[in-house]
Amino acid sequence: MGDYEAALGEVRRSDMMRGIWFSCVSASPYAEGVDFEEAVDSAIELAGLSELDDLG
């Protein structure tokens, strides 16, 4: 597991980050319907595709 996965796992468990996400979604109609967990999962997938593990 890469460091990015551990960091994003912390983001997933953070009530503060979840609150920030809901604030952003409610203020931005283009983000309507995008689930917090979906966003974190997508960030993990994108980081994996960019081969961030190879940087460290």
Protein backbone atom coordinates (compact mmCIF):
# COMPACT_ATOMS: atom_id res chain seq x y z
CA MET A 1 0.00 0.00 0.00
CA GLY A 2 1.34 3.39 -0.92
CA ASP A 3 1.59 6.34 1.41
CA TYR A 4 -1.15 8.01 -0.62
CA GLU A 5 -3.53 5.18 0.29
CA ALA A 6 -2.80 5.61 3.99
CA ALA A 7 -3.26 9.38 3.73
CA LEU A 8 -6.51 9.03 1.80
CA GLY A 9 -7.68 6.43 4.30
CA GLU A 10 -7.26 9.09 6.98
CA VAL A 11 -9.23 11.51 4.82
CA ARG A 12 -12.00 8.91 4.48
CA ARG A 13 -12.23 8.54 8.28
CA SER A 14 -12.14 12.29 8.98
CA ASP A 15 -15.44 13.83 10.02
CA MET A 16 -13.94 17.25 9.29
CA MET A 17 -13.09 16.30 5.69
CA ARG A 18 -16.55 14.79 5.24
CA GLY A 19 -18.06 18.07 6.46
CA ILE A 20 -15.90 20.06 4.06
CA TRP A 21 -16.97 17.77 1.23
CA PHE A 22 -20.67 18.27 2.00
CA SER A 23 -20.15 22.06 2.13
CA CYS A 24 -18.46 22.00 -1.28
CA VAL A 25 -21.14 19.78 -2.80
CA SER A 26 -23.96 21.94 -1.50
CA ALA A 27 -22.27 25.09 -2.88
CA SER A 28 -21.39 23.56 -6.27
CA PRO A 29 -24.18 22.12 -8.39
CA TYR A 30 -21.68 20.33 -10.68
CA ALA A 31 -20.71 18.12 -7.72
CA GLU A 32 -24.29 17.20 -6.87
CA GLY A 33 -24.74 13.48 -6.42
CA VAL A 34 -21.03 12.72 -5.99
CA ASP A 35 -20.61 10.70 -2.82
CA PHE A 36 -17.70 11.42 -0.46
CA GLU A 37 -16.56 7.79 -0.49
CA GLU A 38 -16.75 7.77 -4.30
CA ALA A 39 -14.50 10.82 -4.43
CA VAL A 40 -11.95 9.25 -2.09
CA ASP A 41 -12.05 5.97 -4.02
CA SER A 42 -11.46 7.89 -7.25
CA ALA A 43 -8.52 9.75 -5.72
CA ILE A 44 -6.98 6.43 -4.62
CA GLU A 45 -7.49 4.96 -8.09
CA LEU A 46 -6.00 8.00 -9.84
CA ALA A 47 -3.01 8.04 -7.52
CA GLY A 48 -2.45 4.35 -8.25
CA LEU A 49 -2.66 4.93 -11.98
CA SER A 50 -0.12 7.74 -11.74
CA GLU A 51 2.30 5.28 -10.13
CA LEU A 52 2.89 7.39 -7.02
CA ASP A 53 4.31 4.28 -5.31
CA ASP A 54 7.29 4.49 -7.65
CA LEU A 55 8.21 7.98 -6.41
CA GLY A 56 9.14 7.04 -2.85
